[in-house]
Amino acid sequence: MKIHHSSLSKTFTGFVLSLILTLGAFSIARGWTDLASTMRHVLLVLLALIQILVQLRYFLHLDGSPDQRWKRWTLWYTVLIALLLLGGTLWIMHNAQMHMMAGMESS
């Protein structure tokens, strides 16, 4: 199996970027306690979105070329299923909480 130098360097670049983003997220979550909670959450979400883009570009090799249409369709299908699972879980948890709290009302 022959590994191309450009592929190996791109993978290493992705690894380093992912490591930096992960360490940045940990430092924000654990070390920057003097920062406002909302600002910390915004920074963490921003780092997570950048991390997703790095993963897609360097590890899944989604670079927007036309010959990768099947990869994009697979990605969108995965996003759809993940959103359905997340939305369904939140709906079920909210519904369960509402039904459990209904019995707690004082008369």
PDB file of N, CA and C in Angstrom:
ATOM      1  N   MET A   1       0.847  -1.170   0.000  1.00  0.00           N
ATOM      2  CA  MET A   1       0.000   0.000   0.000  1.00  0.00           C
ATOM      3  C   MET A   1       0.892   1.232   0.000  1.00  0.00           C
ATOM      4  N   LYS A   2       0.667   2.081  -0.986  1.00  0.00           N
ATOM      5  CA  LYS A   2       1.487   3.265  -1.134  1.00  0.00           C
ATOM      6  C   LYS A   2       0.750   4.469  -0.554  1.00  0.00           C
ATOM      7  N   ILE A   3       1.399   5.198   0.323  1.00  0.00           N
ATOM      8  CA  ILE A   3       0.814   6.392   0.933  1.00  0.00           C
ATOM      9  C   ILE A   3       1.473   7.607   0.300  1.00  0.00           C
ATOM     10  N   HIS A   4       0.657   8.486  -0.223  1.00  0.00           N
ATOM     11  CA  HIS A   4       1.173   9.701  -0.835  1.00  0.00           C
ATOM     12  C   HIS A   4       1.573  10.694   0.239  1.00  0.00           C
ATOM     13  N   HIS A   5       2.626  11.443  -0.045  1.00  0.00           N
ATOM     14  CA  HIS A   5       3.132  12.417   0.921  1.00  0.00           C
ATOM     15  C   HIS A   5       2.089  13.500   1.219  1.00  0.00           C
ATOM     16  N   SER A   6       1.367  13.948   0.168  1.00  0.00           N
ATOM     17  CA  SER A   6       0.381  15.013   0.382  1.00  0.00           C
ATOM     18  C   SER A   6      -0.753  14.525   1.269  1.00  0.00           C
ATOM     19  N   SER A   7      -1.154  13.260   1.108  1.00  0.00           N
ATOM     20  CA  SER A   7      -2.214  12.702   1.941  1.00  0.00           C
ATOM     21  C   SER A   7      -1.768  12.602   3.398  1.00  0.00           C
ATOM     22  N   LEU A   8      -0.531  12.171   3.589  1.00  0.00           N
ATOM     23  CA  LEU A   8      -0.008  12.049   4.944  1.00  0.00           C
ATOM     24  C   LEU A   8       0.156  13.413   5.600  1.00  0.00           C
ATOM     25  N   SER A   9       0.606  14.405   4.850  1.00  0.00           N
ATOM     26  CA  SER A   9       0.779  15.743   5.426  1.00  0.00           C
ATOM     27  C   SER A   9      -0.571  16.386   5.734  1.00  0.00           C
ATOM     28  N   LYS A  10      -1.577  16.132   4.882  1.00  0.00           N
ATOM     29  CA  LYS A  10      -2.915  16.661   5.172  1.00  0.00           C
ATOM     30  C   LYS A  10      -3.501  16.007   6.422  1.00  0.00           C
ATOM     31  N   THR A  11      -3.297  14.725   6.567  1.00  0.00           N
ATOM     32  CA  THR A  11      -3.784  14.029   7.756  1.00  0.00           C
ATOM     33  C   THR A  11      -3.089  14.546   9.008  1.00  0.00           C
ATOM     34  N   PHE A  12      -1.800  14.770   8.926  1.00  0.00           N
ATOM     35  CA  PHE A  12      -1.063  15.315  10.062  1.00  0.00           C
ATOM     36  C   PHE A  12      -1.517  16.731  10.389  1.00  0.00           C
ATOM     37  N   THR A  13      -1.758  17.544   9.356  1.00  0.00           N
ATOM     38  CA  THR A  13      -2.273  18.896   9.572  1.00  0.00           C
ATOM     39  C   THR A  13      -3.633  18.841  10.265  1.00  0.00           C
ATOM     40  N   GLY A  14      -4.513  17.947   9.814  1.00  0.00           N
ATOM     41  CA  GLY A  14      -5.817  17.790  10.446  1.00  0.00           C
ATOM     42  C   GLY A  14      -5.701  17.350  11.890  1.00  0.00           C
ATOM     43  N   PHE A  15      -4.750  16.444  12.150  1.00  0.00           N
ATOM     44  CA  PHE A  15      -4.539  15.973  13.516  1.00  0.00           C
ATOM     45  C   PHE A  15      -4.088  17.115  14.422  1.00  0.00           C
ATOM     46  N   VAL A  16      -3.140  17.915  13.948  1.00  0.00           N
ATOM     47  CA  VAL A  16      -2.634  19.032  14.755  1.00  0.00           C
ATOM     48  C   VAL A  16      -3.733  20.064  15.000  1.00  0.00           C
ATOM     49  N   LEU A  17      -4.500  20.395  13.958  1.00  0.00           N
ATOM     50  CA  LEU A  17      -5.601  21.347  14.131  1.00  0.00           C
ATOM     51  C   LEU A  17      -6.645  20.815  15.111  1.00  0.00           C
ATOM     52  N   SER A  18      -6.983  19.539  14.996  1.00  0.00           N
ATOM     53  CA  SER A  18      -7.952  18.942  15.920  1.00  0.00           C
ATOM     54  C   SER A  18      -7.440  18.952  17.352  1.00  0.00           C
ATOM     55  N   LEU A  19      -6.163  18.665  17.519  1.00  0.00           N
ATOM     56  CA  LEU A  19      -5.565  18.690  18.851  1.00  0.00           C
ATOM     57  C   LEU A  19      -5.596  20.097  19.446  1.00  0.00           C
ATOM     58  N   ILE A  20      -5.260  21.095  18.652  1.00  0.00           N
ATOM     59  CA  ILE A  20      -5.282  22.483  19.119  1.00  0.00           C
ATOM     60  C   ILE A  20      -6.701  22.901  19.494  1.00  0.00           C
ATOM     61  N   LEU A  21      -7.669  22.552  18.648  1.00  0.00           N
ATOM     62  CA  LEU A  21      -9.063  22.913  18.939  1.00  0.00           C
ATOM     63  C   LEU A  21      -9.582  22.209  20.189  1.00  0.00           C
ATOM     64  N   THR A  22      -9.218  20.941  20.360  1.00  0.00           N
ATOM     65  CA  THR A  22      -9.652  20.204  21.538  1.00  0.00           C
ATOM     66  C   THR A  22      -9.038  20.775  22.812  1.00  0.00           C
ATOM     67  N   LEU A  23      -7.753  21.047  22.768  1.00  0.00           N
ATOM     68  CA  LEU A  23      -7.094  21.634  23.940  1.00  0.00           C
ATOM     69  C   LEU A  23      -7.640  23.033  24.233  1.00  0.00           C
ATOM     70  N   GLY A  24      -7.958  23.766  23.187  1.00  0.00           N
ATOM     71  CA  GLY A  24      -8.577  25.078  23.385  1.00  0.00           C
ATOM     72  C   GLY A  24      -9.934  24.967  24.068  1.00  0.00           C
ATOM     73  N   ALA A  25     -10.731  23.991  23.643  1.00  0.00           N
ATOM     74  CA  ALA A  25     -12.042  23.789  24.262  1.00  0.00           C
ATOM     75  C   ALA A  25     -11.906  23.390  25.729  1.00  0.00           C
ATOM     76  N   PHE A  26     -10.953  22.503  26.025  1.00  0.00           N
ATOM     77  CA  PHE A  26     -10.730  22.113  27.415  1.00  0.00           C
ATOM     78  C   PHE A  26     -10.272  23.301  28.259  1.00  0.00           C
ATOM     79  N   SER A  27      -9.396  24.126  27.702  1.00  0.00           N
ATOM     80  CA  SER A  27      -8.920  25.273  28.481  1.00  0.00           C
ATOM     81  C   SER A  27     -10.027  26.281  28.722  1.00  0.00           C
ATOM     82  N   ILE A  28     -10.917  26.457  27.750  1.00  0.00           N
ATOM     83  CA  ILE A  28     -12.049  27.373  27.949  1.00  0.00           C
ATOM     84  C   ILE A  28     -13.009  26.805  28.989  1.00  0.00           C
ATOM     85  N   ALA A  29     -13.283  25.517  28.895  1.00  0.00           N
ATOM     86  CA  ALA A  29     -14.251  24.901  29.807  1.00  0.00           C
ATOM     87  C   ALA A  29     -13.727  24.830  31.241  1.00  0.00           C
ATOM     88  N   ARG A  30     -12.445  24.587  31.417  1.00  0.00           N
ATOM     89  CA  ARG A  30     -11.911  24.380  32.765  1.00  0.00           C
ATOM     90  C   ARG A  30     -11.151  25.575  33.329  1.00  0.00           C
ATOM     91  N   GLY A  31     -10.517  26.372  32.464  1.00  0.00           N
ATOM     92  CA  GLY A  31      -9.600  27.371  32.977  1.00  0.00           C
ATOM     93  C   GLY A  31     -10.108  28.794  32.971  1.00  0.00           C
ATOM     94  N   TRP A  32     -10.978  29.125  32.059  1.00  0.00           N
ATOM     95  CA  TRP A  32     -11.413  30.513  31.932  1.00  0.00           C
ATOM     96  C   TRP A  32     -12.676  30.754  32.738  1.00  0.00           C
ATOM     97  N   THR A  33     -12.597  30.628  34.032  1.00  0.00           N
ATOM     98  CA  THR A  33     -13.773  30.797  34.879  1.00  0.00           C
ATOM     99  C   THR A  33     -14.149  32.259  35.057  1.00  0.00           C
ATOM    100  N   ASP A  34     -13.214  33.175  34.805  1.00  0.00           N
ATOM    101  CA  ASP A  34     -13.541  34.590  34.948  1.00  0.00           C
ATOM    102  C   ASP A  34     -14.337  35.125  33.772  1.00  0.00           C
ATOM    103  N   LEU A  35     -14.418  34.360  32.677  1.00  0.00           N
ATOM    104  CA  LEU A  35     -15.201  34.749  31.511  1.00  0.00           C
ATOM    105  C   LEU A  35     -16.675  34.466  31.773  1.00  0.00           C
ATOM    106  N   ALA A  36     -17.546  35.295  31.245  1.00  0.00           N
ATOM    107  CA  ALA A  36     -18.989  35.101  31.441  1.00  0.00           C
ATOM    108  C   ALA A  36     -19.417  33.750  30.875  1.00  0.00           C
ATOM    109  N   SER A  37     -20.392  33.157  31.519  1.00  0.00           N
ATOM    110  CA  SER A  37     -20.857  31.826  31.132  1.00  0.00           C
ATOM    111  C   SER A  37     -21.358  31.807  29.685  1.00  0.00           C
ATOM    112  N   THR A  38     -22.085  32.824  29.293  1.00  0.00           N
ATOM    113  CA  THR A  38     -22.611  32.878  27.929  1.00  0.00           C
ATOM    114  C   THR A  38     -21.475  32.963  26.918  1.00  0.00           C
ATOM    115  N   MET A  39     -20.470  33.757  27.223  1.00  0.00           N
ATOM    116  CA  MET A  39     -19.336  33.893  26.314  1.00  0.00           C
ATOM    117  C   MET A  39     -18.561  32.575  26.201  1.00  0.00           C
ATOM    118  N   ARG A  40     -18.418  31.877  27.307  1.00  0.00           N
ATOM    119  CA  ARG A  40     -17.744  30.572  27.264  1.00  0.00           C
ATOM    120  C   ARG A  40     -18.518  29.600  26.395  1.00  0.00           C
ATOM    121  N   HIS A  41     -19.843  29.602  26.533  1.00  0.00           N
ATOM    122  CA  HIS A  41     -20.666  28.702  25.719  1.00  0.00           C
ATOM    123  C   HIS A  41     -20.554  29.054  24.240  1.00  0.00           C
ATOM    124  N   VAL A  42     -20.558  30.327  23.927  1.00  0.00           N
ATOM    125  CA  VAL A  42     -20.429  30.751  22.533  1.00  0.00           C
ATOM    126  C   VAL A  42     -19.079  30.312  21.970  1.00  0.00           C
ATOM    127  N   LEU A  43     -18.016  30.498  22.737  1.00  0.00           N
ATOM    128  CA  LEU A  43     -16.691  30.086  22.285  1.00  0.00           C
ATOM    129  C   LEU A  43     -16.603  28.570  22.096  1.00  0.00           C
ATOM    130  N   LEU A  44     -17.210  27.816  23.003  1.00  0.00           N
ATOM    131  CA  LEU A  44     -17.186  26.355  22.879  1.00  0.00           C
ATOM    132  C   LEU A  44     -17.958  25.884  21.645  1.00  0.00           C
ATOM    133  N   VAL A  45     -19.097  26.500  21.375  1.00  0.00           N
ATOM    134  CA  VAL A  45     -19.868  26.132  20.177  1.00  0.00           C
ATOM    135  C   VAL A  45     -19.082  26.499  18.924  1.00  0.00           C
ATOM    136  N   LEU A  46     -18.445  27.656  18.931  1.00  0.00           N
ATOM    137  CA  LEU A  46     -17.640  28.070  17.790  1.00  0.00           C
ATOM    138  C   LEU A  46     -16.477  27.099  17.545  1.00  0.00           C
ATOM    139  N   LEU A  47     -15.789  26.711  18.611  1.00  0.00           N
ATOM    140  CA  LEU A  47     -14.708  25.738  18.466  1.00  0.00           C
ATOM    141  C   LEU A  47     -15.234  24.382  17.977  1.00  0.00           C
ATOM    142  N   ALA A  48     -16.415  23.990  18.429  1.00  0.00           N
ATOM    143  CA  ALA A  48     -17.000  22.717  17.982  1.00  0.00           C
ATOM    144  C   ALA A  48     -17.329  22.763  16.493  1.00  0.00           C
ATOM    145  N   LEU A  49     -17.861  23.884  16.025  1.00  0.00           N
ATOM    146  CA  LEU A  49     -18.170  23.999  14.605  1.00  0.00           C
ATOM    147  C   LEU A  49     -16.901  23.993  13.751  1.00  0.00           C
ATOM    148  N   ILE A  50     -15.875  24.669  14.215  1.00  0.00           N
ATOM    149  CA  ILE A  50     -14.597  24.646  13.497  1.00  0.00           C
ATOM    150  C   ILE A  50     -14.024  23.233  13.500  1.00  0.00           C
ATOM    151  N   GLN A  51     -14.169  22.533  14.621  1.00  0.00           N
ATOM    152  CA  GLN A  51     -13.699  21.144  14.719  1.00  0.00           C
ATOM    153  C   GLN A  51     -14.421  20.253  13.702  1.00  0.00           C
ATOM    154  N   ILE A  52     -15.717  20.458  13.548  1.00  0.00           N
ATOM    155  CA  ILE A  52     -16.482  19.679  12.562  1.00  0.00           C
ATOM    156  C   ILE A  52     -15.953  19.933  11.159  1.00  0.00           C
ATOM    157  N   LEU A  53     -15.703  21.203  10.840  1.00  0.00           N
ATOM    158  CA  LEU A  53     -15.184  21.528   9.514  1.00  0.00           C
ATOM    159  C   LEU A  53     -13.796  20.918   9.282  1.00  0.00           C
ATOM    160  N   VAL A  54     -12.959  20.946  10.298  1.00  0.00           N
ATOM    161  CA  VAL A  54     -11.627  20.333  10.180  1.00  0.00           C
ATOM    162  C   VAL A  54     -11.761  18.834   9.955  1.00  0.00           C
ATOM    163  N   GLN A  55     -12.646  18.180  10.698  1.00  0.00           N
ATOM    164  CA  GLN A  55     -12.841  16.737  10.532  1.00  0.00           C
ATOM    165  C   GLN A  55     -13.335  16.409   9.122  1.00  0.00           C
ATOM    166  N   LEU A  56     -14.298  17.197   8.635  1.00  0.00           N
ATOM    167  CA  LEU A  56     -14.832  16.947   7.300  1.00  0.00           C
ATOM    168  C   LEU A  56     -13.771  17.153   6.224  1.00  0.00           C
ATOM    169  N   ARG A  57     -12.970  18.165   6.381  1.00  0.00           N
ATOM    170  CA  ARG A  57     -11.974  18.499   5.350  1.00  0.00           C
ATOM    171  C   ARG A  57     -10.784  17.546   5.369  1.00  0.00           C
ATOM    172  N   TYR A  58     -10.200  17.334   6.527  1.00  0.00           N
ATOM    173  CA  TYR A  58      -8.926  16.617   6.577  1.00  0.00           C
ATOM    174  C   TYR A  58      -9.057  15.107   6.769  1.00  0.00           C
ATOM    175  N   PHE A  59     -10.138  14.644   7.392  1.00  0.00           N
ATOM    176  CA  PHE A  59     -10.256  13.203   7.639  1.00  0.00           C
ATOM    177  C   PHE A  59     -11.274  12.531   6.731  1.00  0.00           C
ATOM    178  N   LEU A  60     -12.378  13.214   6.438  1.00  0.00           N
ATOM    179  CA  LEU A  60     -13.349  12.644   5.499  1.00  0.00           C
ATOM    180  C   LEU A  60     -13.094  13.094   4.068  1.00  0.00           C
ATOM    181  N   HIS A  61     -12.151  14.003   3.882  1.00  0.00           N
ATOM    182  CA  HIS A  61     -11.713  14.479   2.573  1.00  0.00           C
ATOM    183  C   HIS A  61     -12.861  15.049   1.750  1.00  0.00           C
ATOM    184  N   LEU A  62     -13.739  15.794   2.389  1.00  0.00           N
ATOM    185  CA  LEU A  62     -14.809  16.503   1.686  1.00  0.00           C
ATOM    186  C   LEU A  62     -14.300  17.897   1.345  1.00  0.00           C
ATOM    187  N   ASP A  63     -13.904  18.070   0.100  1.00  0.00           N
ATOM    188  CA  ASP A  63     -13.347  19.353  -0.288  1.00  0.00           C
ATOM    189  C   ASP A  63     -14.190  20.080  -1.323  1.00  0.00           C
ATOM    190  N   GLY A  64     -15.349  19.581  -1.640  1.00  0.00           N
ATOM    191  CA  GLY A  64     -16.249  20.266  -2.560  1.00  0.00           C
ATOM    192  C   GLY A  64     -16.059  19.908  -4.018  1.00  0.00           C
ATOM    193  N   SER A  65     -15.223  18.945  -4.328  1.00  0.00           N
ATOM    194  CA  SER A  65     -15.051  18.567  -5.730  1.00  0.00           C
ATOM    195  C   SER A  65     -16.291  17.825  -6.227  1.00  0.00           C
ATOM    196  N   PRO A  66     -16.609  17.952  -7.504  1.00  0.00           N
ATOM    197  CA  PRO A  66     -17.856  17.375  -8.027  1.00  0.00           C
ATOM    198  C   PRO A  66     -17.911  15.848  -7.982  1.00  0.00           C
ATOM    199  N   ASP A  67     -16.780  15.178  -7.960  1.00  0.00           N
ATOM    200  CA  ASP A  67     -16.799  13.716  -7.955  1.00  0.00           C
ATOM    201  C   ASP A  67     -17.116  13.135  -6.580  1.00  0.00           C
ATOM    202  N   GLN A  68     -17.368  13.976  -5.597  1.00  0.00           N
ATOM    203  CA  GLN A  68     -17.666  13.495  -4.244  1.00  0.00           C
ATOM    204  C   GLN A  68     -19.137  13.709  -3.879  1.00  0.00           C
ATOM    205  N   ARG A  69     -20.000  13.693  -4.878  1.00  0.00           N
ATOM    206  CA  ARG A  69     -21.423  13.915  -4.602  1.00  0.00           C
ATOM    207  C   ARG A  69     -21.999  12.877  -3.664  1.00  0.00           C
ATOM    208  N   TRP A  70     -21.605  11.634  -3.814  1.00  0.00           N
ATOM    209  CA  TRP A  70     -22.146  10.575  -2.960  1.00  0.00           C
ATOM    210  C   TRP A  70     -21.739  10.792  -1.514  1.00  0.00           C
ATOM    211  N   LYS A  71     -20.539  11.338  -1.278  1.00  0.00           N
ATOM    212  CA  LYS A  71     -20.122  11.619   0.093  1.00  0.00           C
ATOM    213  C   LYS A  71     -20.977  12.727   0.708  1.00  0.00           C
ATOM    214  N   ARG A  72     -21.286  13.738  -0.090  1.00  0.00           N
ATOM    215  CA  ARG A  72     -22.134  14.818   0.423  1.00  0.00           C
ATOM    216  C   ARG A  72     -23.539  14.312   0.739  1.00  0.00           C
ATOM    217  N   TRP A  73     -24.105  13.465  -0.121  1.00  0.00           N
ATOM    218  CA  TRP A  73     -25.430  12.906   0.147  1.00  0.00           C
ATOM    219  C   TRP A  73     -25.415  12.056   1.418  1.00  0.00           C
ATOM    220  N   THR A  74     -24.370  11.287   1.579  1.00  0.00           N
ATOM    221  CA  THR A  74     -24.239  10.472   2.785  1.00  0.00           C
ATOM    222  C   THR A  74     -24.130  11.358   4.018  1.00  0.00           C
ATOM    223  N   LEU A  75     -23.368  12.434   3.909  1.00  0.00           N
ATOM    224  CA  LEU A  75     -23.232  13.375   5.024  1.00  0.00           C
ATOM    225  C   LEU A  75     -24.577  14.000   5.378  1.00  0.00           C
ATOM    226  N   TRP A  76     -25.319  14.464   4.383  1.00  0.00           N
ATOM    227  CA  TRP A  76     -26.622  15.087   4.665  1.00  0.00           C
ATOM    228  C   TRP A  76     -27.614  14.085   5.256  1.00  0.00           C
ATOM    229  N   TYR A  77     -27.567  12.845   4.785  1.00  0.00           N
ATOM    230  CA  TYR A  77     -28.430  11.816   5.355  1.00  0.00           C
ATOM    231  C   TYR A  77     -28.070  11.578   6.828  1.00  0.00           C
ATOM    232  N   THR A  78     -26.787  11.537   7.129  1.00  0.00           N
ATOM    233  CA  THR A  78     -26.340  11.342   8.506  1.00  0.00           C
ATOM    234  C   THR A  78     -26.772  12.507   9.381  1.00  0.00           C
ATOM    235  N   VAL A  79     -26.643  13.726   8.870  1.00  0.00           N
ATOM    236  CA  VAL A  79     -27.078  14.910   9.625  1.00  0.00           C
ATOM    237  C   VAL A  79     -28.580  14.851   9.879  1.00  0.00           C
ATOM    238  N   LEU A  80     -29.354  14.450   8.867  1.00  0.00           N
ATOM    239  CA  LEU A  80     -30.803  14.338   9.029  1.00  0.00           C
ATOM    240  C   LEU A  80     -31.163  13.322  10.112  1.00  0.00           C
ATOM    241  N   ILE A  81     -30.545  12.159  10.074  1.00  0.00           N
ATOM    242  CA  ILE A  81     -30.830  11.122  11.076  1.00  0.00           C
ATOM    243  C   ILE A  81     -30.423  11.597  12.469  1.00  0.00           C
ATOM    244  N   ALA A  82     -29.265  12.258  12.579  1.00  0.00           N
ATOM    245  CA  ALA A  82     -28.815  12.761  13.879  1.00  0.00           C
ATOM    246  C   ALA A  82     -29.782  13.810  14.421  1.00  0.00           C
ATOM    247  N   LEU A  83     -30.267  14.707  13.552  1.00  0.00           N
ATOM    248  CA  LEU A  83     -31.228  15.717  13.998  1.00  0.00           C
ATOM    249  C   LEU A  83     -32.551  15.084  14.414  1.00  0.00           C
ATOM    250  N   LEU A  84     -32.985  14.072  13.678  1.00  0.00           N
ATOM    251  CA  LEU A  84     -34.216  13.369  14.068  1.00  0.00           C
ATOM    252  C   LEU A  84     -34.049  12.682  15.421  1.00  0.00           C
ATOM    253  N   LEU A  85     -32.910  12.043  15.632  1.00  0.00           N
ATOM    254  CA  LEU A  85     -32.659  11.396  16.918  1.00  0.00           C
ATOM    255  C   LEU A  85     -32.590  12.422  18.052  1.00  0.00           C
ATOM    256  N   LEU A  86     -31.886  13.511  17.818  1.00  0.00           N
ATOM    257  CA  LEU A  86     -31.770  14.549  18.839  1.00  0.00           C
ATOM    258  C   LEU A  86     -33.124  15.185  19.129  1.00  0.00           C
ATOM    259  N   GLY A  87     -33.843  15.555  18.076  1.00  0.00           N
ATOM    260  CA  GLY A  87     -35.163  16.157  18.269  1.00  0.00           C
ATOM    261  C   GLY A  87     -36.133  15.216  18.959  1.00  0.00           C
ATOM    262  N   GLY A  88     -36.128  13.948  18.545  1.00  0.00           N
ATOM    263  CA  GLY A  88     -37.006  12.964  19.185  1.00  0.00           C
ATOM    264  C   GLY A  88     -36.663  12.751  20.647  1.00  0.00           C
ATOM    265  N   THR A  89     -35.378  12.716  20.954  1.00  0.00           N
ATOM    266  CA  THR A  89     -34.952  12.538  22.341  1.00  0.00           C
ATOM    267  C   THR A  89     -35.373  13.721  23.195  1.00  0.00           C
ATOM    268  N   LEU A  90     -35.152  14.927  22.678  1.00  0.00           N
ATOM    269  CA  LEU A  90     -35.564  16.115  23.439  1.00  0.00           C
ATOM    270  C   LEU A  90     -37.069  16.166  23.627  1.00  0.00           C
ATOM    271  N   TRP A  91     -37.822  15.783  22.602  1.00  0.00           N
ATOM    272  CA  TRP A  91     -39.279  15.775  22.708  1.00  0.00           C
ATOM    273  C   TRP A  91     -39.748  14.752  23.745  1.00  0.00           C
ATOM    274  N   ILE A  92     -39.152  13.566  23.717  1.00  0.00           N
ATOM    275  CA  ILE A  92     -39.525  12.529  24.684  1.00  0.00           C
ATOM    276  C   ILE A  92     -39.170  12.958  26.102  1.00  0.00           C
ATOM    277  N   MET A  93     -37.983  13.521  26.294  1.00  0.00           N
ATOM    278  CA  MET A  93     -37.573  13.958  27.633  1.00  0.00           C
ATOM    279  C   MET A  93     -38.461  15.093  28.139  1.00  0.00           C
ATOM    280  N   HIS A  94     -38.798  16.038  27.269  1.00  0.00           N
ATOM    281  CA  HIS A  94     -39.687  17.125  27.674  1.00  0.00           C
ATOM    282  C   HIS A  94     -41.074  16.585  28.027  1.00  0.00           C
ATOM    283  N   ASN A  95     -41.573  15.677  27.201  1.00  0.00           N
ATOM    284  CA  ASN A  95     -42.889  15.089  27.446  1.00  0.00           C
ATOM    285  C   ASN A  95     -42.893  14.294  28.760  1.00  0.00           C
ATOM    286  N   ALA A  96     -41.831  13.552  29.020  1.00  0.00           N
ATOM    287  CA  ALA A  96     -41.743  12.778  30.261  1.00  0.00           C
ATOM    288  C   ALA A  96     -41.690  13.709  31.468  1.00  0.00           C
ATOM    289  N   GLN A  97     -40.937  14.798  31.345  1.00  0.00           N
ATOM    290  CA  GLN A  97     -40.854  15.746  32.452  1.00  0.00           C
ATOM    291  C   GLN A  97     -42.214  16.383  32.716  1.00  0.00           C
ATOM    292  N   MET A  98     -42.930  16.749  31.671  1.00  0.00           N
ATOM    293  CA  MET A  98     -44.242  17.380  31.850  1.00  0.00           C
ATOM    294  C   MET A  98     -45.219  16.413  32.517  1.00  0.00           C
ATOM    295  N   HIS A  99     -45.183  15.127  32.142  1.00  0.00           N
ATOM    296  CA  HIS A  99     -46.091  14.164  32.753  1.00  0.00           C
ATOM    297  C   HIS A  99     -45.694  13.843  34.192  1.00  0.00           C
ATOM    298  N   MET A 100     -44.405  13.860  34.496  1.00  0.00           N
ATOM    299  CA  MET A 100     -43.974  13.596  35.865  1.00  0.00           C
ATOM    300  C   MET A 100     -44.284  14.778  36.769  1.00  0.00           C
ATOM    301  N   MET A 101     -44.181  15.977  36.239  1.00  0.00           N
ATOM    302  CA  MET A 101     -44.457  17.179  37.040  1.00  0.00           C
ATOM    303  C   MET A 101     -45.956  17.366  37.268  1.00  0.00           C
ATOM    304  N   ALA A 102     -46.787  16.774  36.419  1.00  0.00           N
ATOM    305  CA  ALA A 102     -48.234  16.931  36.568  1.00  0.00           C
ATOM    306  C   ALA A 102     -48.701  16.317  37.894  1.00  0.00           C
ATOM    307  N   GLY A 103     -48.106  15.237  38.333  1.00  0.00           N
ATOM    308  CA  GLY A 103     -48.483  14.589  39.592  1.00  0.00           C
ATOM    309  C   GLY A 103     -47.926  15.315  40.815  1.00  0.00           C
ATOM    310  N   MET A 104     -47.017  16.256  40.626  1.00  0.00           N
ATOM    311  CA  MET A 104     -46.375  16.953  41.727  1.00  0.00           C
ATOM    312  C   MET A 104     -47.118  18.216  42.150  1.00  0.00           C
ATOM    313  N   GLU A 105     -48.158  18.585  41.390  1.00  0.00           N
ATOM    314  CA  GLU A 105     -48.895  19.819  41.710  1.00  0.00           C
ATOM    315  C   GLU A 105     -49.603  19.665  43.043  1.00  0.00           C
ATOM    316  N   SER A 106     -49.536  20.706  43.851  1.00  0.00           N
ATOM    317  CA  SER A 106     -50.237  20.675  45.152  1.00  0.00           C
ATOM    318  C   SER A 106     -51.652  21.157  44.968  1.00  0.00           C
ATOM    319  N   SER A 107     -52.596  20.501  45.619  1.00  0.00           N
ATOM    320  CA  SER A 107     -53.993  20.867  45.487  1.00  0.00           C
ATOM    321  C   SER A 107     -54.468  21.597  46.715  1.00  0.00           C
TER     322      SER A 107
END
